[in-house]
Amino acid sequence: MVPLCAALIGYVCIASDPFAGGQTSITVSGGANESVAVKSDRWTATYLASSHYRAHLDPDAMNMACDEGNCVRYHRKCDDLARPRSCDFVFMGEGIPVDGVHVEGEDERAFTAAIARLSFVVRETGGLVPFSTMDTEATTANPACRYRLDGPDTAVSDQAGCPTIQRRP
């Protein structure tokens, strides 16, 4: 069953759950740290719209989650491997902004409820990949490529999947 999106923020679908109880609010914050926070009962999901900054992501730092033929590459870091109460997600794909999503619950049960209501919308198909399928913890703290200067106009990375960057004249 495909959940009905009560709200769509960036590529994140917040599913409508008439049996969840409590109210859901959405707060938009502008400025340098632009974000959209969805607060529902005892959990919060914050979409961090860092549109002024675009990092190159290291494909080797990402994991893959799929559901019904829809897939997304993601990086997940949580506060506790066994019983998370908060996690940060970054998604990778053609045309997908390098914006983060922070999900936090007041306790483990609230966090699980939040994860059950969130899905990633796959750009190419419009299909959904539930956050609950994104259960593999990343092996690196940061999914961004690391660069070093190689001359005045070139930055290179020792990470295999990271492109060389040339300064444009």
Foldseek 3Di string as FASTA:
>chain_A
DAFDFPDQDQQKGFGDDPPPDFDWDWDFDDDQFTWIWIDGDFKIKIKGCNVVDAFAFQQVQWDWFDDPHDIWTKAKAAPDLPQGQKIKMFTDDVPRGRIIMIMGGPGSVRSVVRQQRMWGQRPPPRDTGGSVRVNDHTPDPDRGFDWDDDDDFWIDGPRPRGDIGGHDD
